[in-house]
């Protein structure tokens, strides 16, 4: 692999991680968890994130493709969470499937990957 090929691969990898972070954030917002010390997720953000994850519209599918995720698998997970009324710990577990480190809980254990990765 030449230097240009390596640079292109690294760029694509960085872009993939960026788009995975977008999906990750949507799951956290949908569960009403801001992940920030001094500000919470608003009701509007929560509502918008839930709608975005479950409607499966074009921008959602594009975001998933850019994140190298299957849009239907992501949407299916979101619909399952919706059925459970968006529990925070489950949303964090599903966000892990977006390539982020597993959340740690009081026991210190890691959750299983949500979409088989």
PDB file of N, CA and C in Angstrom:
ATOM      1  N   UNK A   1       0.847  -1.170   0.000  1.00  0.00           N
ATOM      2  CA  UNK A   1       0.000   0.000   0.000  1.00  0.00           C
ATOM      3  C   UNK A   1       0.892   1.232   0.000  1.00  0.00           C
ATOM      4  N   UNK A   2       0.621   2.159  -0.905  1.00  0.00           N
ATOM      5  CA  UNK A   2       1.409   3.375  -0.995  1.00  0.00           C
ATOM      6  C   UNK A   2       1.016   4.386   0.059  1.00  0.00           C
ATOM      7  N   UNK A   3       1.782   5.464   0.135  1.00  0.00           N
ATOM      8  CA  UNK A   3       1.536   6.506   1.123  1.00  0.00           C
ATOM      9  C   UNK A   3       0.161   7.148   0.922  1.00  0.00           C
ATOM     10  N   UNK A   4      -0.224   7.361  -0.352  1.00  0.00           N
ATOM     11  CA  UNK A   4      -1.530   7.961  -0.624  1.00  0.00           C
ATOM     12  C   UNK A   4      -2.661   7.029  -0.200  1.00  0.00           C
ATOM     13  N   UNK A   5      -2.490   5.733  -0.463  1.00  0.00           N
ATOM     14  CA  UNK A   5      -3.508   4.767  -0.063  1.00  0.00           C
ATOM     15  C   UNK A   5      -3.658   4.725   1.448  1.00  0.00           C
ATOM     16  N   UNK A   6      -2.559   4.754   2.163  1.00  0.00           N
ATOM     17  CA  UNK A   6      -2.595   4.735   3.625  1.00  0.00           C
ATOM     18  C   UNK A   6      -3.265   5.990   4.163  1.00  0.00           C
ATOM     19  N   UNK A   7      -2.964   7.126   3.547  1.00  0.00           N
ATOM     20  CA  UNK A   7      -3.567   8.389   3.977  1.00  0.00           C
ATOM     21  C   UNK A   7      -5.077   8.371   3.734  1.00  0.00           C
ATOM     22  N   UNK A   8      -5.500   7.841   2.584  1.00  0.00           N
ATOM     23  CA  UNK A   8      -6.914   7.746   2.261  1.00  0.00           C
ATOM     24  C   UNK A   8      -7.621   6.811   3.246  1.00  0.00           C
ATOM     25  N   UNK A   9      -7.017   5.678   3.562  1.00  0.00           N
ATOM     26  CA  UNK A   9      -7.604   4.727   4.510  1.00  0.00           C
ATOM     27  C   UNK A   9      -7.740   5.359   5.894  1.00  0.00           C
ATOM     28  N   UNK A  10      -6.732   6.088   6.331  1.00  0.00           N
ATOM     29  CA  UNK A  10      -6.780   6.751   7.638  1.00  0.00           C
ATOM     30  C   UNK A  10      -7.864   7.815   7.668  1.00  0.00           C
ATOM     31  N   UNK A  11      -8.009   8.555   6.567  1.00  0.00           N
ATOM     32  CA  UNK A  11      -9.034   9.584   6.475  1.00  0.00           C
ATOM     33  C   UNK A  11     -10.424   8.961   6.550  1.00  0.00           C
ATOM     34  N   UNK A  12     -10.630   7.877   5.816  1.00  0.00           N
ATOM     35  CA  UNK A  12     -11.928   7.199   5.851  1.00  0.00           C
ATOM     36  C   UNK A  12     -12.226   6.666   7.244  1.00  0.00           C
ATOM     37  N   UNK A  13     -11.206   6.142   7.905  1.00  0.00           N
ATOM     38  CA  UNK A  13     -11.391   5.616   9.252  1.00  0.00           C
ATOM     39  C   UNK A  13     -11.815   6.733  10.203  1.00  0.00           C
ATOM     40  N   UNK A  14     -11.164   7.881  10.100  1.00  0.00           N
ATOM     41  CA  UNK A  14     -11.508   9.021  10.955  1.00  0.00           C
ATOM     42  C   UNK A  14     -12.930   9.493  10.689  1.00  0.00           C
ATOM     43  N   UNK A  15     -13.305   9.534   9.425  1.00  0.00           N
ATOM     44  CA  UNK A  15     -14.661   9.954   9.075  1.00  0.00           C
ATOM     45  C   UNK A  15     -15.686   8.958   9.593  1.00  0.00           C
ATOM     46  N   UNK A  16     -15.371   7.679   9.510  1.00  0.00           N
ATOM     47  CA  UNK A  16     -16.277   6.653  10.017  1.00  0.00           C
ATOM     48  C   UNK A  16     -16.502   6.834  11.507  1.00  0.00           C
ATOM     49  N   UNK A  17     -15.430   7.070  12.251  1.00  0.00           N
ATOM     50  CA  UNK A  17     -15.556   7.283  13.697  1.00  0.00           C
ATOM     51  C   UNK A  17     -16.381   8.520  14.002  1.00  0.00           C
ATOM     52  N   UNK A  18     -16.231   9.550  13.213  1.00  0.00           N
ATOM     53  CA  UNK A  18     -17.012  10.766  13.409  1.00  0.00           C
ATOM     54  C   UNK A  18     -18.505  10.478  13.249  1.00  0.00           C
ATOM     55  N   UNK A  19     -18.867   9.766  12.200  1.00  0.00           N
ATOM     56  CA  UNK A  19     -20.272   9.465  11.959  1.00  0.00           C
ATOM     57  C   UNK A  19     -20.820   8.475  12.991  1.00  0.00           C
ATOM     58  N   UNK A  20     -19.970   7.586  13.475  1.00  0.00           N
ATOM     59  CA  UNK A  20     -20.404   6.684  14.550  1.00  0.00           C
ATOM     60  C   UNK A  20     -20.696   7.482  15.822  1.00  0.00           C
ATOM     61  N   UNK A  21     -19.924   8.525  16.038  1.00  0.00           N
ATOM     62  CA  UNK A  21     -20.169   9.380  17.203  1.00  0.00           C
ATOM     63  C   UNK A  21     -21.528  10.074  17.094  1.00  0.00           C
ATOM     64  N   UNK A  22     -21.944  10.407  15.883  1.00  0.00           N
ATOM     65  CA  UNK A  22     -23.256  11.024  15.671  1.00  0.00           C
ATOM     66  C   UNK A  22     -24.363  10.040  16.080  1.00  0.00           C
ATOM     67  N   UNK A  23     -24.239   8.799  15.645  1.00  0.00           N
ATOM     68  CA  UNK A  23     -25.236   7.784  15.995  1.00  0.00           C
ATOM     69  C   UNK A  23     -25.205   7.525  17.503  1.00  0.00           C
ATOM     70  N   UNK A  24     -24.017   7.432  18.056  1.00  0.00           N
ATOM     71  CA  UNK A  24     -23.837   7.241  19.500  1.00  0.00           C
ATOM     72  C   UNK A  24     -24.553   8.340  20.283  1.00  0.00           C
ATOM     73  N   UNK A  25     -24.325   9.571  19.898  1.00  0.00           N
ATOM     74  CA  UNK A  25     -24.946  10.715  20.561  1.00  0.00           C
ATOM     75  C   UNK A  25     -26.461  10.635  20.475  1.00  0.00           C
ATOM     76  N   UNK A  26     -26.982  10.198  19.327  1.00  0.00           N
ATOM     77  CA  UNK A  26     -28.430  10.095  19.161  1.00  0.00           C
ATOM     78  C   UNK A  26     -29.029   9.093  20.152  1.00  0.00           C
ATOM     79  N   UNK A  27     -28.358   7.955  20.354  1.00  0.00           N
ATOM     80  CA  UNK A  27     -28.853   6.989  21.331  1.00  0.00           C
ATOM     81  C   UNK A  27     -28.837   7.573  22.742  1.00  0.00           C
ATOM     82  N   UNK A  28     -27.780   8.262  23.090  1.00  0.00           N
ATOM     83  CA  UNK A  28     -27.708   8.864  24.422  1.00  0.00           C
ATOM     84  C   UNK A  28     -28.775   9.940  24.599  1.00  0.00           C
ATOM     85  N   UNK A  29     -28.958  10.774  23.581  1.00  0.00           N
ATOM     86  CA  UNK A  29     -29.990  11.809  23.644  1.00  0.00           C
ATOM     87  C   UNK A  29     -31.382  11.183  23.724  1.00  0.00           C
ATOM     88  N   UNK A  30     -31.609  10.113  22.976  1.00  0.00           N
ATOM     89  CA  UNK A  30     -32.909   9.446  22.973  1.00  0.00           C
ATOM     90  C   UNK A  30     -33.265   8.898  24.352  1.00  0.00           C
ATOM     91  N   UNK A  31     -32.245   8.497  25.098  1.00  0.00           N
ATOM     92  CA  UNK A  31     -32.470   7.988  26.453  1.00  0.00           C
ATOM     93  C   UNK A  31     -32.506   9.109  27.481  1.00  0.00           C
ATOM     94  N   UNK A  32     -32.309  10.342  27.032  1.00  0.00           N
ATOM     95  CA  UNK A  32     -32.337  11.475  27.947  1.00  0.00           C
ATOM     96  C   UNK A  32     -31.070  11.601  28.762  1.00  0.00           C
ATOM     97  N   UNK A  33     -29.974  11.115  28.208  1.00  0.00           N
ATOM     98  CA  UNK A  33     -28.693  11.135  28.919  1.00  0.00           C
ATOM     99  C   UNK A  33     -27.725  12.006  28.142  1.00  0.00           C
ATOM    100  N   UNK A  34     -27.350  13.138  28.730  1.00  0.00           N
ATOM    101  CA  UNK A  34     -26.506  14.073  27.996  1.00  0.00           C
ATOM    102  C   UNK A  34     -25.049  13.676  27.979  1.00  0.00           C
ATOM    103  N   UNK A  35     -24.596  12.978  29.010  1.00  0.00           N
ATOM    104  CA  UNK A  35     -23.186  12.651  29.091  1.00  0.00           C
ATOM    105  C   UNK A  35     -22.326  13.846  29.435  1.00  0.00           C
ATOM    106  N   UNK A  36     -22.936  14.962  29.757  1.00  0.00           N
ATOM    107  CA  UNK A  36     -22.200  16.165  30.124  1.00  0.00           C
ATOM    108  C   UNK A  36     -22.452  16.462  31.595  1.00  0.00           C
ATOM    109  N   UNK A  37     -21.443  16.965  32.262  1.00  0.00           N
ATOM    110  CA  UNK A  37     -21.523  17.166  33.707  1.00  0.00           C
ATOM    111  C   UNK A  37     -22.534  18.232  34.118  1.00  0.00           C
ATOM    112  N   UNK A  38     -22.666  19.304  33.343  1.00  0.00           N
ATOM    113  CA  UNK A  38     -23.438  20.439  33.824  1.00  0.00           C
ATOM    114  C   UNK A  38     -24.701  20.751  33.034  1.00  0.00           C
ATOM    115  N   UNK A  39     -25.010  19.962  32.046  1.00  0.00           N
ATOM    116  CA  UNK A  39     -26.245  20.238  31.326  1.00  0.00           C
ATOM    117  C   UNK A  39     -26.895  18.933  30.904  1.00  0.00           C
ATOM    118  N   UNK A  40     -28.191  18.906  30.985  1.00  0.00           N
ATOM    119  CA  UNK A  40     -28.927  17.708  30.616  1.00  0.00           C
ATOM    120  C   UNK A  40     -29.481  17.803  29.215  1.00  0.00           C
ATOM    121  N   UNK A  41     -29.881  16.672  28.704  1.00  0.00           N
ATOM    122  CA  UNK A  41     -30.532  16.632  27.402  1.00  0.00           C
ATOM    123  C   UNK A  41     -31.943  17.177  27.573  1.00  0.00           C
ATOM    124  N   UNK A  42     -32.348  18.070  26.699  1.00  0.00           N
ATOM    125  CA  UNK A  42     -33.676  18.662  26.802  1.00  0.00           C
ATOM    126  C   UNK A  42     -34.724  17.708  26.257  1.00  0.00           C
ATOM    127  N   UNK A  43     -35.966  17.985  26.591  1.00  0.00           N
ATOM    128  CA  UNK A  43     -37.076  17.180  26.091  1.00  0.00           C
ATOM    129  C   UNK A  43     -37.111  17.240  24.567  1.00  0.00           C
ATOM    130  N   UNK A  44     -36.847  18.397  24.005  1.00  0.00           N
ATOM    131  CA  UNK A  44     -36.849  18.549  22.551  1.00  0.00           C
ATOM    132  C   UNK A  44     -35.755  17.677  21.927  1.00  0.00           C
ATOM    133  N   UNK A  45     -34.542  17.699  22.498  1.00  0.00           N
ATOM    134  CA  UNK A  45     -33.450  16.868  21.972  1.00  0.00           C
ATOM    135  C   UNK A  45     -33.801  15.390  22.062  1.00  0.00           C
ATOM    136  N   UNK A  46     -34.386  14.998  23.172  1.00  0.00           N
ATOM    137  CA  UNK A  46     -34.770  13.603  23.364  1.00  0.00           C
ATOM    138  C   UNK A  46     -35.799  13.188  22.330  1.00  0.00           C
ATOM    139  N   UNK A  47     -36.806  14.017  22.146  1.00  0.00           N
ATOM    140  CA  UNK A  47     -37.867  13.725  21.175  1.00  0.00           C
ATOM    141  C   UNK A  47     -37.313  13.652  19.757  1.00  0.00           C
ATOM    142  N   UNK A  48     -36.461  14.599  19.407  1.00  0.00           N
ATOM    143  CA  UNK A  48     -35.878  14.610  18.065  1.00  0.00           C
ATOM    144  C   UNK A  48     -34.984  13.399  17.835  1.00  0.00           C
ATOM    145  N   UNK A  49     -34.188  13.034  18.818  1.00  0.00           N
ATOM    146  CA  UNK A  49     -33.294  11.880  18.674  1.00  0.00           C
ATOM    147  C   UNK A  49     -34.096  10.598  18.511  1.00  0.00           C
ATOM    148  N   UNK A  50     -35.145  10.443  19.291  1.00  0.00           N
ATOM    149  CA  UNK A  50     -35.988   9.247  19.182  1.00  0.00           C
ATOM    150  C   UNK A  50     -36.630   9.151  17.806  1.00  0.00           C
ATOM    151  N   UNK A  51     -37.141  10.267  17.334  1.00  0.00           N
ATOM    152  CA  UNK A  51     -37.773  10.288  16.005  1.00  0.00           C
ATOM    153  C   UNK A  51     -36.748   9.970  14.917  1.00  0.00           C
ATOM    154  N   UNK A  52     -35.558  10.545  15.025  1.00  0.00           N
ATOM    155  CA  UNK A  52     -34.514  10.324  14.018  1.00  0.00           C
ATOM    156  C   UNK A  52     -34.104   8.855  13.971  1.00  0.00           C
ATOM    157  N   UNK A  53     -33.952   8.238  15.135  1.00  0.00           N
ATOM    158  CA  UNK A  53     -33.506   6.837  15.199  1.00  0.00           C
ATOM    159  C   UNK A  53     -34.577   5.855  14.740  1.00  0.00           C
ATOM    160  N   UNK A  54     -35.845   6.181  14.924  1.00  0.00           N
ATOM    161  CA  UNK A  54     -36.898   5.215  14.624  1.00  0.00           C
ATOM    162  C   UNK A  54     -37.586   5.418  13.282  1.00  0.00           C
ATOM    163  N   UNK A  55     -37.527   6.616  12.725  1.00  0.00           N
ATOM    164  CA  UNK A  55     -38.235   6.879  11.473  1.00  0.00           C
ATOM    165  C   UNK A  55     -37.531   6.263  10.266  1.00  0.00           C
ATOM    166  N   UNK A  56     -36.213   6.142  10.335  1.00  0.00           N
ATOM    167  CA  UNK A  56     -35.469   5.531   9.236  1.00  0.00           C
ATOM    168  C   UNK A  56     -35.478   6.347   7.956  1.00  0.00           C
ATOM    169  N   UNK A  57     -35.460   7.645   8.082  1.00  0.00           N
ATOM    170  CA  UNK A  57     -35.495   8.500   6.897  1.00  0.00           C
ATOM    171  C   UNK A  57     -34.142   8.549   6.198  1.00  0.00           C
ATOM    172  N   UNK A  58     -34.104   9.264   5.099  1.00  0.00           N
ATOM    173  CA  UNK A  58     -32.927   9.275   4.232  1.00  0.00           C
ATOM    174  C   UNK A  58     -31.653   9.750   4.933  1.00  0.00           C
ATOM    175  N   UNK A  59     -31.726  10.831   5.715  1.00  0.00           N
ATOM    176  CA  UNK A  59     -30.519  11.337   6.380  1.00  0.00           C
ATOM    177  C   UNK A  59     -30.015  10.353   7.437  1.00  0.00           C
ATOM    178  N   UNK A  60     -30.925   9.612   8.069  1.00  0.00           N
ATOM    179  CA  UNK A  60     -30.539   8.581   9.021  1.00  0.00           C
ATOM    180  C   UNK A  60     -29.782   7.463   8.310  1.00  0.00           C
ATOM    181  N   UNK A  61     -30.326   7.009   7.189  1.00  0.00           N
ATOM    182  CA  UNK A  61     -29.676   5.935   6.428  1.00  0.00           C
ATOM    183  C   UNK A  61     -28.300   6.380   5.930  1.00  0.00           C
ATOM    184  N   UNK A  62     -28.209   7.600   5.450  1.00  0.00           N
ATOM    185  CA  UNK A  62     -26.928   8.117   4.979  1.00  0.00           C
ATOM    186  C   UNK A  62     -25.913   8.178   6.117  1.00  0.00           C
ATOM    187  N   UNK A  63     -26.344   8.666   7.273  1.00  0.00           N
ATOM    188  CA  UNK A  63     -25.458   8.741   8.432  1.00  0.00           C
ATOM    189  C   UNK A  63     -24.963   7.349   8.812  1.00  0.00           C
ATOM    190  N   UNK A  64     -25.856   6.377   8.829  1.00  0.00           N
ATOM    191  CA  UNK A  64     -25.453   5.001   9.159  1.00  0.00           C
ATOM    192  C   UNK A  64     -24.467   4.458   8.135  1.00  0.00           C
ATOM    193  N   UNK A  65     -24.708   4.706   6.868  1.00  0.00           N
ATOM    194  CA  UNK A  65     -23.777   4.232   5.834  1.00  0.00           C
ATOM    195  C   UNK A  65     -22.408   4.888   6.003  1.00  0.00           C
ATOM    196  N   UNK A  66     -22.386   6.178   6.283  1.00  0.00           N
ATOM    197  CA  UNK A  66     -21.118   6.874   6.498  1.00  0.00           C
ATOM    198  C   UNK A  66     -20.403   6.352   7.746  1.00  0.00           C
ATOM    199  N   UNK A  67     -21.189   5.850   8.707  1.00  0.00           N
ATOM    200  CA  UNK A  67     -20.627   5.276   9.929  1.00  0.00           C
ATOM    201  C   UNK A  67     -20.287   3.796   9.756  1.00  0.00           C
ATOM    202  N   UNK A  68     -20.521   3.264   8.563  1.00  0.00           N
ATOM    203  CA  UNK A  68     -20.286   1.850   8.264  1.00  0.00           C
ATOM    204  C   UNK A  68     -21.140   0.953   9.164  1.00  0.00           C
ATOM    205  N   UNK A  69     -22.394   1.374   9.352  1.00  0.00           N
ATOM    206  CA  UNK A  69     -23.366   0.617  10.130  1.00  0.00           C
ATOM    207  C   UNK A  69     -24.569   0.303   9.246  1.00  0.00           C
ATOM    208  N   UNK A  70     -25.227  -0.807   9.517  1.00  0.00           N
ATOM    209  CA  UNK A  70     -26.433  -1.188   8.791  1.00  0.00           C
ATOM    210  C   UNK A  70     -27.612  -0.377   9.341  1.00  0.00           C
ATOM    211  N   UNK A  71     -28.217   0.491   8.533  1.00  0.00           N
ATOM    212  CA  UNK A  71     -29.299   1.344   9.033  1.00  0.00           C
ATOM    213  C   UNK A  71     -30.467   0.547   9.620  1.00  0.00           C
ATOM    214  N   UNK A  72     -30.797  -0.576   9.000  1.00  0.00           N
ATOM    215  CA  UNK A  72     -31.911  -1.382   9.509  1.00  0.00           C
ATOM    216  C   UNK A  72     -31.587  -1.983  10.871  1.00  0.00           C
ATOM    217  N   UNK A  73     -30.349  -2.410  11.062  1.00  0.00           N
ATOM    218  CA  UNK A  73     -29.949  -2.970  12.360  1.00  0.00           C
ATOM    219  C   UNK A  73     -29.986  -1.887  13.444  1.00  0.00           C
ATOM    220  N   UNK A  74     -29.520  -0.704  13.109  1.00  0.00           N
ATOM    221  CA  UNK A  74     -29.535   0.401  14.073  1.00  0.00           C
ATOM    222  C   UNK A  74     -30.975   0.768  14.404  1.00  0.00           C
ATOM    223  N   UNK A  75     -31.801   0.870  13.384  1.00  0.00           N
ATOM    224  CA  UNK A  75     -33.217   1.226  13.595  1.00  0.00           C
ATOM    225  C   UNK A  75     -33.930   0.148  14.401  1.00  0.00           C
ATOM    226  N   UNK A  76     -33.661  -1.120  14.111  1.00  0.00           N
ATOM    227  CA  UNK A  76     -34.279  -2.214  14.871  1.00  0.00           C
ATOM    228  C   UNK A  76     -33.934  -2.113  16.354  1.00  0.00           C
ATOM    229  N   UNK A  77     -32.683  -1.784  16.656  1.00  0.00           N
ATOM    230  CA  UNK A  77     -32.274  -1.627  18.052  1.00  0.00           C
ATOM    231  C   UNK A  77     -33.004  -0.451  18.701  1.00  0.00           C
ATOM    232  N   UNK A  78     -33.138   0.623  17.950  1.00  0.00           N
ATOM    233  CA  UNK A  78     -33.842   1.789  18.475  1.00  0.00           C
ATOM    234  C   UNK A  78     -35.318   1.453  18.737  1.00  0.00           C
ATOM    235  N   UNK A  79     -35.928   0.706  17.839  1.00  0.00           N
ATOM    236  CA  UNK A  79     -37.330   0.326  18.034  1.00  0.00           C
ATOM    237  C   UNK A  79     -37.498  -0.570  19.256  1.00  0.00           C
ATOM    238  N   UNK A  80     -36.518  -1.449  19.495  1.00  0.00           N
ATOM    239  CA  UNK A  80     -36.562  -2.278  20.706  1.00  0.00           C
ATOM    240  C   UNK A  80     -36.476  -1.408  21.964  1.00  0.00           C
ATOM    241  N   UNK A  81     -35.604  -0.413  21.919  1.00  0.00           N
ATOM    242  CA  UNK A  81     -35.493   0.500  23.059  1.00  0.00           C
ATOM    243  C   UNK A  81     -36.785   1.278  23.261  1.00  0.00           C
ATOM    244  N   UNK A  82     -37.393   1.674  22.167  1.00  0.00           N
ATOM    245  CA  UNK A  82     -38.654   2.408  22.252  1.00  0.00           C
ATOM    246  C   UNK A  82     -39.707   1.561  22.970  1.00  0.00           C
ATOM    247  N   UNK A  83     -39.753   0.268  22.653  1.00  0.00           N
ATOM    248  CA  UNK A  83     -40.691  -0.639  23.319  1.00  0.00           C
ATOM    249  C   UNK A  83     -40.431  -0.710  24.820  1.00  0.00           C
ATOM    250  N   UNK A  84     -39.174  -0.536  25.224  1.00  0.00           N
ATOM    251  CA  UNK A  84     -38.792  -0.588  26.641  1.00  0.00           C
ATOM    252  C   UNK A  84     -38.822   0.792  27.301  1.00  0.00           C
ATOM    253  N   UNK A  85     -39.332   1.779  26.589  1.00  0.00           N
ATOM    254  CA  UNK A  85     -39.410   3.159  27.064  1.00  0.00           C
ATOM    255  C   UNK A  85     -38.025   3.776  27.276  1.00  0.00           C
ATOM    256  N   UNK A  86     -37.092   3.448  26.414  1.00  0.00           N
ATOM    257  CA  UNK A  86     -35.773   4.059  26.344  1.00  0.00           C
ATOM    258  C   UNK A  86     -34.987   4.041  27.663  1.00  0.00           C
ATOM    259  N   UNK A  87     -34.769   2.866  28.245  1.00  0.00           N
ATOM    260  CA  UNK A  87     -33.962   2.833  29.473  1.00  0.00           C
ATOM    261  C   UNK A  87     -32.539   3.290  29.195  1.00  0.00           C
ATOM    262  N   UNK A  88     -31.971   4.098  30.084  1.00  0.00           N
ATOM    263  CA  UNK A  88     -30.655   4.701  29.861  1.00  0.00           C
ATOM    264  C   UNK A  88     -29.542   3.682  29.719  1.00  0.00           C
ATOM    265  N   UNK A  89     -29.522   2.654  30.568  1.00  0.00           N
ATOM    266  CA  UNK A  89     -28.418   1.698  30.474  1.00  0.00           C
ATOM    267  C   UNK A  89     -28.471   0.904  29.176  1.00  0.00           C
ATOM    268  N   UNK A  90     -29.649   0.621  28.670  1.00  0.00           N
ATOM    269  CA  UNK A  90     -29.756  -0.099  27.404  1.00  0.00           C
ATOM    270  C   UNK A  90     -29.337   0.784  26.233  1.00  0.00           C
ATOM    271  N   UNK A  91     -29.684   2.061  26.275  1.00  0.00           N
ATOM    272  CA  UNK A  91     -29.281   2.975  25.203  1.00  0.00           C
ATOM    273  C   UNK A  91     -27.769   3.109  25.168  1.00  0.00           C
ATOM    274  N   UNK A  92     -27.147   3.156  26.334  1.00  0.00           N
ATOM    275  CA  UNK A  92     -25.683   3.230  26.384  1.00  0.00           C
ATOM    276  C   UNK A  92     -25.068   1.965  25.795  1.00  0.00           C
ATOM    277  N   UNK A  93     -25.683   0.823  26.067  1.00  0.00           N
ATOM    278  CA  UNK A  93     -25.183  -0.436  25.515  1.00  0.00           C
ATOM    279  C   UNK A  93     -25.292  -0.439  24.000  1.00  0.00           C
ATOM    280  N   UNK A  94     -26.401   0.062  23.482  1.00  0.00           N
ATOM    281  CA  UNK A  94     -26.580   0.093  22.034  1.00  0.00           C
ATOM    282  C   UNK A  94     -25.650   1.105  21.391  1.00  0.00           C
ATOM    283  N   UNK A  95     -25.402   2.190  22.078  1.00  0.00           N
ATOM    284  CA  UNK A  95     -24.468   3.180  21.552  1.00  0.00           C
ATOM    285  C   UNK A  95     -23.082   2.559  21.423  1.00  0.00           C
ATOM    286  N   UNK A  96     -22.758   1.607  22.273  1.00  0.00           N
ATOM    287  CA  UNK A  96     -21.457   0.947  22.206  1.00  0.00           C
ATOM    288  C   UNK A  96     -21.250   0.304  20.838  1.00  0.00           C
ATOM    289  N   UNK A  97     -22.305  -0.168  20.243  1.00  0.00           N
ATOM    290  CA  UNK A  97     -22.206  -0.779  18.926  1.00  0.00           C
ATOM    291  C   UNK A  97     -21.781   0.190  17.853  1.00  0.00           C
ATOM    292  N   UNK A  98     -21.731   1.452  18.188  1.00  0.00           N
ATOM    293  CA  UNK A  98     -21.287   2.472  17.252  1.00  0.00           C
ATOM    294  C   UNK A  98     -19.779   2.637  17.314  1.00  0.00           C
ATOM    295  N   UNK A  99     -19.098   1.754  18.023  1.00  0.00           N
ATOM    296  CA  UNK A  99     -17.653   1.765  18.038  1.00  0.00           C
ATOM    297  C   UNK A  99     -17.025   2.507  19.191  1.00  0.00           C
ATOM    298  N   UNK A 100     -17.807   2.859  20.176  1.00  0.00           N
ATOM    299  CA  UNK A 100     -17.279   3.578  21.327  1.00  0.00           C
ATOM    300  C   UNK A 100     -17.002   2.605  22.463  1.00  0.00           C
ATOM    301  N   UNK A 101     -16.170   2.971  23.418  1.00  0.00           N
ATOM    302  CA  UNK A 101     -15.882   2.067  24.534  1.00  0.00           C
ATOM    303  C   UNK A 101     -17.146   1.705  25.298  1.00  0.00           C
ATOM    304  N   UNK A 102     -17.161   0.493  25.813  1.00  0.00           N
ATOM    305  CA  UNK A 102     -18.315   0.040  26.577  1.00  0.00           C
ATOM    306  C   UNK A 102     -18.440   0.840  27.856  1.00  0.00           C
ATOM    307  N   UNK A 103     -19.664   1.199  28.210  1.00  0.00           N
ATOM    308  CA  UNK A 103     -19.842   1.905  29.473  1.00  0.00           C
ATOM    309  C   UNK A 103     -19.563   0.970  30.643  1.00  0.00           C
ATOM    310  N   UNK A 104     -19.085   1.519  31.722  1.00  0.00           N
ATOM    311  CA  UNK A 104     -18.835   0.717  32.922  1.00  0.00           C
ATOM    312  C   UNK A 104     -19.883   1.077  33.973  1.00  0.00           C
ATOM    313  N   UNK A 105     -20.314   0.063  34.666  1.00  0.00           N
ATOM    314  CA  UNK A 105     -21.301   0.261  35.718  1.00  0.00           C
ATOM    315  C   UNK A 105     -20.677  -0.108  37.051  1.00  0.00           C
ATOM    316  N   UNK A 106     -21.457  -0.082  38.102  1.00  0.00           N
ATOM    317  CA  UNK A 106     -20.948  -0.286  39.455  1.00  0.00           C
ATOM    318  C   UNK A 106     -20.147  -1.580  39.592  1.00  0.00           C
ATOM    319  N   UNK A 107     -20.524  -2.604  38.872  1.00  0.00           N
ATOM    320  CA  UNK A 107     -19.836  -3.885  38.975  1.00  0.00           C
ATOM    321  C   UNK A 107     -18.518  -3.874  38.216  1.00  0.00           C
ATOM    322  N   UNK A 108     -18.338  -2.884  37.341  1.00  0.00           N
ATOM    323  CA  UNK A 108     -17.120  -2.798  36.536  1.00  0.00           C
ATOM    324  C   UNK A 108     -17.148  -3.696  35.319  1.00  0.00           C
ATOM    325  N   UNK A 109     -18.263  -4.347  35.061  1.00  0.00           N
ATOM    326  CA  UNK A 109     -18.335  -5.244  33.907  1.00  0.00           C
ATOM    327  C   UNK A 109     -18.673  -4.468  32.648  1.00  0.00           C
ATOM    328  N   UNK A 110     -18.337  -5.054  31.520  1.00  0.00           N
ATOM    329  CA  UNK A 110     -18.665  -4.448  30.233  1.00  0.00           C
ATOM    330  C   UNK A 110     -19.901  -5.132  29.662  1.00  0.00           C
ATOM    331  N   UNK A 111     -20.668  -4.377  28.912  1.00  0.00           N
ATOM    332  CA  UNK A 111     -21.851  -4.927  28.281  1.00  0.00           C
ATOM    333  C   UNK A 111     -21.491  -5.595  26.967  1.00  0.00           C
ATOM    334  N   UNK A 112     -22.285  -6.555  26.563  1.00  0.00           N
ATOM    335  CA  UNK A 112     -22.048  -7.256  25.293  1.00  0.00           C
ATOM    336  C   UNK A 112     -22.318  -6.323  24.126  1.00  0.00           C
ATOM    337  N   UNK A 113     -21.593  -6.485  23.025  1.00  0.00           N
ATOM    338  CA  UNK A 113     -21.825  -5.646  21.845  1.00  0.00           C
ATOM    339  C   UNK A 113     -23.262  -5.823  21.339  1.00  0.00           C
ATOM    340  N   UNK A 114     -23.943  -4.741  20.968  1.00  0.00           N
ATOM    341  CA  UNK A 114     -25.345  -4.825  20.614  1.00  0.00           C
ATOM    342  C   UNK A 114     -25.654  -5.412  19.245  1.00  0.00           C
ATOM    343  N   UNK A 115     -24.807  -5.210  18.247  1.00  0.00           N
ATOM    344  CA  UNK A 115     -25.144  -5.748  16.940  1.00  0.00           C
ATOM    345  C   UNK A 115     -24.102  -6.734  16.464  1.00  0.00           C
ATOM    346  N   UNK A 116     -23.664  -7.555  17.352  1.00  0.00           N
ATOM    347  CA  UNK A 116     -22.819  -8.682  17.003  1.00  0.00           C
ATOM    348  C   UNK A 116     -21.392  -8.345  16.640  1.00  0.00           C
ATOM    349  N   UNK A 117     -20.968  -7.119  16.845  1.00  0.00           N
ATOM    350  CA  UNK A 117     -19.596  -6.733  16.473  1.00  0.00           C
ATOM    351  C   UNK A 117     -18.629  -7.079  17.569  1.00  0.00           C
TER     352      UNK A 117
END
